Amino acid sequence: MTGYLTLKEMAQVYRANNALLRARMSELRTALRTSRDDAEREQLKQRVSVLNTIYREGRETAVYMERYYVGRRRRHGQTSPHPAGQ
């Protein structure tokens, strides 16, 4: 092992982190539904919004990493499941 992650492995890490973000957003939304304090509700909405942005960017990055070599193979006419040299 070289100590480096492949893009596919990095995508898996992003997806695992996104699962944690989704769980936290769910907790915050539950707190939002039960909160009666307007200031607290606003703070919770803002936190969910920020986490949702991070979640969306993480998801997009994971998809990009998962598809990185597929797009390169198409552009270069390769049909092998692995780029040259791998």
PDB file of N, CA and C in Angstrom:
ATOM      1  N   MET A   1       0.839  -1.188   0.000  1.00  0.00           N
ATOM      2  CA  MET A   1       0.000   0.000   0.000  1.00  0.00           C
ATOM      3  C   MET A   1       0.876   1.240   0.000  1.00  0.00           C
ATOM      4  N   THR A   2       0.487   2.191  -0.811  1.00  0.00           N
ATOM      5  CA  THR A   2       1.287   3.398  -0.972  1.00  0.00           C
ATOM      6  C   THR A   2       0.930   4.501   0.013  1.00  0.00           C
ATOM      7  N   GLY A   3      -0.193   4.374   0.684  1.00  0.00           N
ATOM      8  CA  GLY A   3      -0.630   5.422   1.589  1.00  0.00           C
ATOM      9  C   GLY A   3      -1.506   6.455   0.903  1.00  0.00           C
ATOM     10  N   TYR A   4      -1.699   6.293  -0.379  1.00  0.00           N
ATOM     11  CA  TYR A   4      -2.548   7.211  -1.145  1.00  0.00           C
ATOM     12  C   TYR A   4      -3.886   6.556  -1.429  1.00  0.00           C
ATOM     13  N   LEU A   5      -4.921   7.371  -1.513  1.00  0.00           N
ATOM     14  CA  LEU A   5      -6.240   6.871  -1.865  1.00  0.00           C
ATOM     15  C   LEU A   5      -6.479   7.092  -3.353  1.00  0.00           C
ATOM     16  N   THR A   6      -7.172   6.157  -3.970  1.00  0.00           N
ATOM     17  CA  THR A   6      -7.611   6.376  -5.339  1.00  0.00           C
ATOM     18  C   THR A   6      -8.794   7.333  -5.300  1.00  0.00           C
ATOM     19  N   LEU A   7      -9.161   7.865  -6.447  1.00  0.00           N
ATOM     20  CA  LEU A   7     -10.325   8.755  -6.492  1.00  0.00           C
ATOM     21  C   LEU A   7     -11.587   8.010  -6.071  1.00  0.00           C
ATOM     22  N   LYS A   8     -11.679   6.744  -6.447  1.00  0.00           N
ATOM     23  CA  LYS A   8     -12.846   5.950  -6.058  1.00  0.00           C
ATOM     24  C   LYS A   8     -12.903   5.795  -4.533  1.00  0.00           C
ATOM     25  N   GLU A   9     -11.764   5.555  -3.909  1.00  0.00           N
ATOM     26  CA  GLU A   9     -11.714   5.430  -2.448  1.00  0.00           C
ATOM     27  C   GLU A   9     -12.036   6.762  -1.772  1.00  0.00           C
ATOM     28  N   MET A  10     -11.536   7.850  -2.355  1.00  0.00           N
ATOM     29  CA  MET A  10     -11.839   9.170  -1.810  1.00  0.00           C
ATOM     30  C   MET A  10     -13.340   9.461  -1.910  1.00  0.00           C
ATOM     31  N   ALA A  11     -13.944   9.038  -3.001  1.00  0.00           N
ATOM     32  CA  ALA A  11     -15.384   9.224  -3.170  1.00  0.00           C
ATOM     33  C   ALA A  11     -16.146   8.487  -2.073  1.00  0.00           C
ATOM     34  N   GLN A  12     -15.679   7.306  -1.703  1.00  0.00           N
ATOM     35  CA  GLN A  12     -16.324   6.543  -0.638  1.00  0.00           C
ATOM     36  C   GLN A  12     -16.218   7.286   0.695  1.00  0.00           C
ATOM     37  N   VAL A  13     -15.097   7.926   0.941  1.00  0.00           N
ATOM     38  CA  VAL A  13     -14.921   8.715   2.165  1.00  0.00           C
ATOM     39  C   VAL A  13     -15.896   9.892   2.165  1.00  0.00           C
ATOM     40  N   TYR A  14     -16.013  10.561   1.034  1.00  0.00           N
ATOM     41  CA  TYR A  14     -16.968  11.671   0.923  1.00  0.00           C
ATOM     42  C   TYR A  14     -18.392  11.185   1.196  1.00  0.00           C
ATOM     43  N   ARG A  15     -18.747  10.040   0.638  1.00  0.00           N
ATOM     44  CA  ARG A  15     -20.102   9.517   0.837  1.00  0.00           C
ATOM     45  C   ARG A  15     -20.341   9.150   2.309  1.00  0.00           C
ATOM     46  N   ALA A  16     -19.324   8.590   2.966  1.00  0.00           N
ATOM     47  CA  ALA A  16     -19.457   8.261   4.391  1.00  0.00           C
ATOM     48  C   ALA A  16     -19.648   9.539   5.212  1.00  0.00           C
ATOM     49  N   ASN A  17     -18.885  10.574   4.889  1.00  0.00           N
ATOM     50  CA  ASN A  17     -19.035  11.846   5.592  1.00  0.00           C
ATOM     51  C   ASN A  17     -20.401  12.460   5.319  1.00  0.00           C
ATOM     52  N   ASN A  18     -20.890  12.294   4.093  1.00  0.00           N
ATOM     53  CA  ASN A  18     -22.218  12.817   3.771  1.00  0.00           C
ATOM     54  C   ASN A  18     -23.304  12.117   4.572  1.00  0.00           C
ATOM     55  N   ALA A  19     -23.117  10.846   4.846  1.00  0.00           N
ATOM     56  CA  ALA A  19     -24.095  10.133   5.677  1.00  0.00           C
ATOM     57  C   ALA A  19     -24.150  10.755   7.077  1.00  0.00           C
ATOM     58  N   LEU A  20     -23.002  11.137   7.600  1.00  0.00           N
ATOM     59  CA  LEU A  20     -22.961  11.803   8.909  1.00  0.00           C
ATOM     60  C   LEU A  20     -23.638  13.172   8.843  1.00  0.00           C
ATOM     61  N   LEU A  21     -23.408  13.891   7.751  1.00  0.00           N
ATOM     62  CA  LEU A  21     -24.052  15.195   7.591  1.00  0.00           C
ATOM     63  C   LEU A  21     -25.571  15.056   7.531  1.00  0.00           C
ATOM     64  N   ARG A  22     -26.046  14.051   6.798  1.00  0.00           N
ATOM     65  CA  ARG A  22     -27.493  13.834   6.708  1.00  0.00           C
ATOM     66  C   ARG A  22     -28.084  13.528   8.070  1.00  0.00           C
ATOM     67  N   ALA A  23     -27.384  12.711   8.846  1.00  0.00           N
ATOM     68  CA  ALA A  23     -27.871  12.373  10.184  1.00  0.00           C
ATOM     69  C   ALA A  23     -27.942  13.626  11.055  1.00  0.00           C
ATOM     70  N   ARG A  24     -26.920  14.459  10.976  1.00  0.00           N
ATOM     71  CA  ARG A  24     -26.912  15.674  11.787  1.00  0.00           C
ATOM     72  C   ARG A  24     -28.010  16.640  11.342  1.00  0.00           C
ATOM     73  N   MET A  25     -28.203  16.762  10.031  1.00  0.00           N
ATOM     74  CA  MET A  25     -29.273  17.631   9.541  1.00  0.00           C
ATOM     75  C   MET A  25     -30.630  17.127  10.021  1.00  0.00           C
ATOM     76  N   SER A  26     -30.802  15.840  10.061  1.00  0.00           N
ATOM     77  CA  SER A  26     -32.051  15.258  10.548  1.00  0.00           C
ATOM     78  C   SER A  26     -32.272  15.615  12.019  1.00  0.00           C
ATOM     79  N   GLU A  27     -31.209  15.512  12.812  1.00  0.00           N
ATOM     80  CA  GLU A  27     -31.305  15.885  14.232  1.00  0.00           C
ATOM     81  C   GLU A  27     -31.685  17.356  14.388  1.00  0.00           C
ATOM     82  N   LEU A  28     -31.046  18.214  13.585  1.00  0.00           N
ATOM     83  CA  LEU A  28     -31.328  19.639  13.677  1.00  0.00           C
ATOM     84  C   LEU A  28     -32.755  19.955  13.236  1.00  0.00           C
ATOM     85  N   ARG A  29     -33.232  19.263  12.216  1.00  0.00           N
ATOM     86  CA  ARG A  29     -34.614  19.482  11.763  1.00  0.00           C
ATOM     87  C   ARG A  29     -35.620  19.046  12.829  1.00  0.00           C
ATOM     88  N   THR A  30     -35.299  17.981  13.536  1.00  0.00           N
ATOM     89  CA  THR A  30     -36.162  17.540  14.641  1.00  0.00           C
ATOM     90  C   THR A  30     -36.187  18.613  15.727  1.00  0.00           C
ATOM     91  N   ALA A  31     -35.023  19.137  16.060  1.00  0.00           N
ATOM     92  CA  ALA A  31     -34.952  20.203  17.061  1.00  0.00           C
ATOM     93  C   ALA A  31     -35.714  21.437  16.585  1.00  0.00           C
ATOM     94  N   LEU A  32     -35.637  21.710  15.300  1.00  0.00           N
ATOM     95  CA  LEU A  32     -36.351  22.852  14.733  1.00  0.00           C
ATOM     96  C   LEU A  32     -37.865  22.703  14.882  1.00  0.00           C
ATOM     97  N   ARG A  33     -38.350  21.496  14.651  1.00  0.00           N
ATOM     98  CA  ARG A  33     -39.793  21.250  14.781  1.00  0.00           C
ATOM     99  C   ARG A  33     -40.283  21.401  16.218  1.00  0.00           C
ATOM    100  N   THR A  34     -39.431  21.104  17.171  1.00  0.00           N
ATOM    101  CA  THR A  34     -39.869  21.129  18.570  1.00  0.00           C
ATOM    102  C   THR A  34     -39.560  22.444  19.284  1.00  0.00           C
ATOM    103  N   SER A  35     -38.688  23.248  18.680  1.00  0.00           N
ATOM    104  CA  SER A  35     -38.302  24.502  19.331  1.00  0.00           C
ATOM    105  C   SER A  35     -39.429  25.524  19.258  1.00  0.00           C
ATOM    106  N   ARG A  36     -39.587  26.249  20.355  1.00  0.00           N
ATOM    107  CA  ARG A  36     -40.587  27.314  20.410  1.00  0.00           C
ATOM    108  C   ARG A  36     -39.923  28.697  20.466  1.00  0.00           C
ATOM    109  N   ASP A  37     -38.614  28.695  20.562  1.00  0.00           N
ATOM    110  CA  ASP A  37     -37.864  29.951  20.659  1.00  0.00           C
ATOM    111  C   ASP A  37     -37.494  30.431  19.247  1.00  0.00           C
ATOM    112  N   ASP A  38     -37.934  31.639  18.896  1.00  0.00           N
ATOM    113  CA  ASP A  38     -37.697  32.160  17.547  1.00  0.00           C
ATOM    114  C   ASP A  38     -36.213  32.302  17.216  1.00  0.00           C
ATOM    115  N   ALA A  39     -35.426  32.777  18.155  1.00  0.00           N
ATOM    116  CA  ALA A  39     -33.988  32.948  17.910  1.00  0.00           C
ATOM    117  C   ALA A  39     -33.318  31.589  17.689  1.00  0.00           C
ATOM    118  N   GLU A  40     -33.693  30.620  18.516  1.00  0.00           N
ATOM    119  CA  GLU A  40     -33.132  29.279  18.366  1.00  0.00           C
ATOM    120  C   GLU A  40     -33.549  28.665  17.030  1.00  0.00           C
ATOM    121  N   ARG A  41     -34.794  28.858  16.656  1.00  0.00           N
ATOM    122  CA  ARG A  41     -35.285  28.328  15.376  1.00  0.00           C
ATOM    123  C   ARG A  41     -34.496  28.917  14.201  1.00  0.00           C
ATOM    124  N   GLU A  42     -34.245  30.198  14.267  1.00  0.00           N
ATOM    125  CA  GLU A  42     -33.486  30.853  13.192  1.00  0.00           C
ATOM    126  C   GLU A  42     -32.068  30.300  13.132  1.00  0.00           C
ATOM    127  N   GLN A  43     -31.461  30.106  14.296  1.00  0.00           N
ATOM    128  CA  GLN A  43     -30.108  29.546  14.348  1.00  0.00           C
ATOM    129  C   GLN A  43     -30.097  28.121  13.782  1.00  0.00           C
ATOM    130  N   LEU A  44     -31.084  27.328  14.131  1.00  0.00           N
ATOM    131  CA  LEU A  44     -31.165  25.957  13.621  1.00  0.00           C
ATOM    132  C   LEU A  44     -31.360  25.945  12.105  1.00  0.00           C
ATOM    133  N   LYS A  45     -32.208  26.830  11.601  1.00  0.00           N
ATOM    134  CA  LYS A  45     -32.407  26.924  10.146  1.00  0.00           C
ATOM    135  C   LYS A  45     -31.102  27.248   9.445  1.00  0.00           C
ATOM    136  N   GLN A  46     -30.350  28.178  10.009  1.00  0.00           N
ATOM    137  CA  GLN A  46     -29.072  28.567   9.411  1.00  0.00           C
ATOM    138  C   GLN A  46     -28.083  27.405   9.428  1.00  0.00           C
ATOM    139  N   ARG A  47     -28.026  26.679  10.520  1.00  0.00           N
ATOM    140  CA  ARG A  47     -27.113  25.534  10.617  1.00  0.00           C
ATOM    141  C   ARG A  47     -27.481  24.460   9.605  1.00  0.00           C
ATOM    142  N   VAL A  48     -28.780  24.185   9.449  1.00  0.00           N
ATOM    143  CA  VAL A  48     -29.222  23.202   8.460  1.00  0.00           C
ATOM    144  C   VAL A  48     -28.845  23.667   7.059  1.00  0.00           C
ATOM    145  N   SER A  49     -29.024  24.931   6.793  1.00  0.00           N
ATOM    146  CA  SER A  49     -28.695  25.480   5.477  1.00  0.00           C
ATOM    147  C   SER A  49     -27.211  25.313   5.154  1.00  0.00           C
ATOM    148  N   VAL A  50     -26.362  25.634   6.107  1.00  0.00           N
ATOM    149  CA  VAL A  50     -24.914  25.499   5.903  1.00  0.00           C
ATOM    150  C   VAL A  50     -24.546  24.027   5.686  1.00  0.00           C
ATOM    151  N   LEU A  51     -25.077  23.149   6.530  1.00  0.00           N
ATOM    152  CA  LEU A  51     -24.779  21.723   6.376  1.00  0.00           C
ATOM    153  C   LEU A  51     -25.310  21.184   5.056  1.00  0.00           C
ATOM    154  N   ASN A  52     -26.449  21.675   4.620  1.00  0.00           N
ATOM    155  CA  ASN A  52     -27.000  21.234   3.353  1.00  0.00           C
ATOM    156  C   ASN A  52     -26.090  21.626   2.188  1.00  0.00           C
ATOM    157  N   THR A  53     -25.508  22.813   2.258  1.00  0.00           N
ATOM    158  CA  THR A  53     -24.558  23.248   1.225  1.00  0.00           C
ATOM    159  C   THR A  53     -23.332  22.340   1.222  1.00  0.00           C
ATOM    160  N   ILE A  54     -22.803  22.048   2.394  1.00  0.00           N
ATOM    161  CA  ILE A  54     -21.636  21.162   2.501  1.00  0.00           C
ATOM    162  C   ILE A  54     -21.993  19.775   1.981  1.00  0.00           C
ATOM    163  N   TYR A  55     -23.173  19.294   2.332  1.00  0.00           N
ATOM    164  CA  TYR A  55     -23.643  17.984   1.866  1.00  0.00           C
ATOM    165  C   TYR A  55     -23.717  17.950   0.339  1.00  0.00           C
ATOM    166  N   ARG A  56     -24.352  18.952  -0.240  1.00  0.00           N
ATOM    167  CA  ARG A  56     -24.518  18.993  -1.696  1.00  0.00           C
ATOM    168  C   ARG A  56     -23.157  19.032  -2.398  1.00  0.00           C
ATOM    169  N   GLU A  57     -22.244  19.848  -1.908  1.00  0.00           N
ATOM    170  CA  GLU A  57     -20.916  19.937  -2.515  1.00  0.00           C
ATOM    171  C   GLU A  57     -20.151  18.619  -2.367  1.00  0.00           C
ATOM    172  N   GLY A  58     -20.311  17.962  -1.230  1.00  0.00           N
ATOM    173  CA  GLY A  58     -19.661  16.666  -1.022  1.00  0.00           C
ATOM    174  C   GLY A  58     -20.202  15.608  -1.961  1.00  0.00           C
ATOM    175  N   ARG A  59     -21.519  15.621  -2.152  1.00  0.00           N
ATOM    176  CA  ARG A  59     -22.147  14.667  -3.068  1.00  0.00           C
ATOM    177  C   ARG A  59     -21.662  14.899  -4.499  1.00  0.00           C
ATOM    178  N   GLU A  60     -21.624  16.150  -4.913  1.00  0.00           N
ATOM    179  CA  GLU A  60     -21.167  16.484  -6.258  1.00  0.00           C
ATOM    180  C   GLU A  60     -19.706  16.081  -6.458  1.00  0.00           C
ATOM    181  N   THR A  61     -18.891  16.303  -5.450  1.00  0.00           N
ATOM    182  CA  THR A  61     -17.479  15.941  -5.532  1.00  0.00           C
ATOM    183  C   THR A  61     -17.318  14.426  -5.610  1.00  0.00           C
ATOM    184  N   ALA A  62     -18.092  13.697  -4.817  1.00  0.00           N
ATOM    185  CA  ALA A  62     -18.019  12.226  -4.845  1.00  0.00           C
ATOM    186  C   ALA A  62     -18.391  11.708  -6.230  1.00  0.00           C
ATOM    187  N   VAL A  63     -19.440  12.232  -6.814  1.00  0.00           N
ATOM    188  CA  VAL A  63     -19.858  11.797  -8.155  1.00  0.00           C
ATOM    189  C   VAL A  63     -18.771  12.116  -9.161  1.00  0.00           C
ATOM    190  N   TYR A  64     -18.190  13.300  -9.067  1.00  0.00           N
ATOM    191  CA  TYR A  64     -17.114  13.681  -9.986  1.00  0.00           C
ATOM    192  C   TYR A  64     -15.942  12.701  -9.884  1.00  0.00           C
ATOM    193  N   MET A  65     -15.547  12.379  -8.653  1.00  0.00           N
ATOM    194  CA  MET A  65     -14.422  11.455  -8.468  1.00  0.00           C
ATOM    195  C   MET A  65     -14.762  10.063  -8.977  1.00  0.00           C
ATOM    196  N   GLU A  66     -15.981   9.615  -8.738  1.00  0.00           N
ATOM    197  CA  GLU A  66     -16.386   8.284  -9.201  1.00  0.00           C
ATOM    198  C   GLU A  66     -16.386   8.194 -10.724  1.00  0.00           C
ATOM    199  N   ARG A  67     -16.710   9.276 -11.378  1.00  0.00           N
ATOM    200  CA  ARG A  67     -16.834   9.269 -12.835  1.00  0.00           C
ATOM    201  C   ARG A  67     -15.607   9.804 -13.562  1.00  0.00           C
ATOM    202  N   TYR A  68     -14.593  10.197 -12.829  1.00  0.00           N
ATOM    203  CA  TYR A  68     -13.434  10.869 -13.416  1.00  0.00           C
ATOM    204  C   TYR A  68     -12.816  10.066 -14.552  1.00  0.00           C
ATOM    205  N   TYR A  69     -12.496   8.813 -14.300  1.00  0.00           N
ATOM    206  CA  TYR A  69     -11.818   8.019 -15.318  1.00  0.00           C
ATOM    207  C   TYR A  69     -12.749   7.589 -16.437  1.00  0.00           C
ATOM    208  N   VAL A  70     -14.026   7.450 -16.155  1.00  0.00           N
ATOM    209  CA  VAL A  70     -14.985   7.084 -17.198  1.00  0.00           C
ATOM    210  C   VAL A  70     -14.980   8.160 -18.272  1.00  0.00           C
ATOM    211  N   GLY A  71     -15.058   9.402 -17.875  1.00  0.00           N
ATOM    212  CA  GLY A  71     -15.041  10.510 -18.828  1.00  0.00           C
ATOM    213  C   GLY A  71     -13.747  10.586 -19.601  1.00  0.00           C
ATOM    214  N   ARG A  72     -12.634  10.339 -18.955  1.00  0.00           N
ATOM    215  CA  ARG A  72     -11.331  10.379 -19.629  1.00  0.00           C
ATOM    216  C   ARG A  72     -11.230   9.258 -20.654  1.00  0.00           C
ATOM    217  N   ARG A  73     -11.729   8.072 -20.314  1.00  0.00           N
ATOM    218  CA  ARG A  73     -11.668   6.956 -21.262  1.00  0.00           C
ATOM    219  C   ARG A  73     -12.495   7.268 -22.497  1.00  0.00           C
ATOM    220  N   ARG A  74     -13.655   7.847 -22.305  1.00  0.00           N
ATOM    221  CA  ARG A  74     -14.516   8.188 -23.442  1.00  0.00           C
ATOM    222  C   ARG A  74     -13.837   9.202 -24.350  1.00  0.00           C
ATOM    223  N   ARG A  75     -13.205  10.203 -23.751  1.00  0.00           N
ATOM    224  CA  ARG A  75     -12.552  11.239 -24.555  1.00  0.00           C
ATOM    225  C   ARG A  75     -11.370  10.684 -25.333  1.00  0.00           C
ATOM    226  N   HIS A  76     -10.712   9.677 -24.802  1.00  0.00           N
ATOM    227  CA  HIS A  76      -9.515   9.128 -25.436  1.00  0.00           C
ATOM    228  C   HIS A  76      -9.781   7.813 -26.158  1.00  0.00           C
ATOM    229  N   GLY A  77     -11.034   7.415 -26.244  1.00  0.00           N
ATOM    230  CA  GLY A  77     -11.387   6.228 -27.008  1.00  0.00           C
ATOM    231  C   GLY A  77     -10.982   4.909 -26.372  1.00  0.00           C
ATOM    232  N   GLN A  78     -10.724   4.887 -25.073  1.00  0.00           N
ATOM    233  CA  GLN A  78     -10.350   3.649 -24.403  1.00  0.00           C
ATOM    234  C   GLN A  78     -11.603   2.859 -24.046  1.00  0.00           C
ATOM    235  N   THR A  79     -11.506   1.543 -24.170  1.00  0.00           N
ATOM    236  CA  THR A  79     -12.634   0.700 -23.799  1.00  0.00           C
ATOM    237  C   THR A  79     -12.321  -0.129 -22.564  1.00  0.00           C
ATOM    238  N   SER A  80     -11.066  -0.162 -22.148  1.00  0.00           N
ATOM    239  CA  SER A  80     -10.654  -0.911 -20.961  1.00  0.00           C
ATOM    240  C   SER A  80     -11.273  -0.274 -19.721  1.00  0.00           C
ATOM    241  N   PRO A  81     -11.617  -1.084 -18.711  1.00  0.00           N
ATOM    242  CA  PRO A  81     -12.162  -0.509 -17.481  1.00  0.00           C
ATOM    243  C   PRO A  81     -11.135   0.273 -16.671  1.00  0.00           C
ATOM    244  N   HIS A  82      -9.847   0.178 -17.038  1.00  0.00           N
ATOM    245  CA  HIS A  82      -8.804   0.862 -16.304  1.00  0.00           C
ATOM    246  C   HIS A  82      -8.019   1.741 -17.263  1.00  0.00           C
ATOM    247  N   PRO A  83      -7.692   2.970 -16.852  1.00  0.00           N
ATOM    248  CA  PRO A  83      -6.873   3.824 -17.698  1.00  0.00           C
ATOM    249  C   PRO A  83      -5.514   3.185 -17.944  1.00  0.00           C
ATOM    250  N   ALA A  84      -4.870   3.551 -19.003  1.00  0.00           N
ATOM    251  CA  ALA A  84      -3.555   3.003 -19.331  1.00  0.00           C
ATOM    252  C   ALA A  84      -2.597   3.189 -18.166  1.00  0.00           C
ATOM    253  N   GLY A  85      -1.857   2.153 -17.877  1.00  0.00           N
ATOM    254  CA  GLY A  85      -0.850   2.239 -16.824  1.00  0.00           C
ATOM    255  C   GLY A  85      -1.367   1.904 -15.439  1.00  0.00           C
ATOM    256  N   GLN A  86      -2.620   1.525 -15.322  1.00  0.00           N
ATOM    257  CA  GLN A  86      -3.121   1.206 -13.975  1.00  0.00           C
ATOM    258  C   GLN A  86      -3.510  -0.226 -13.886  1.00  0.00           C
TER     259      GLN A  86
END
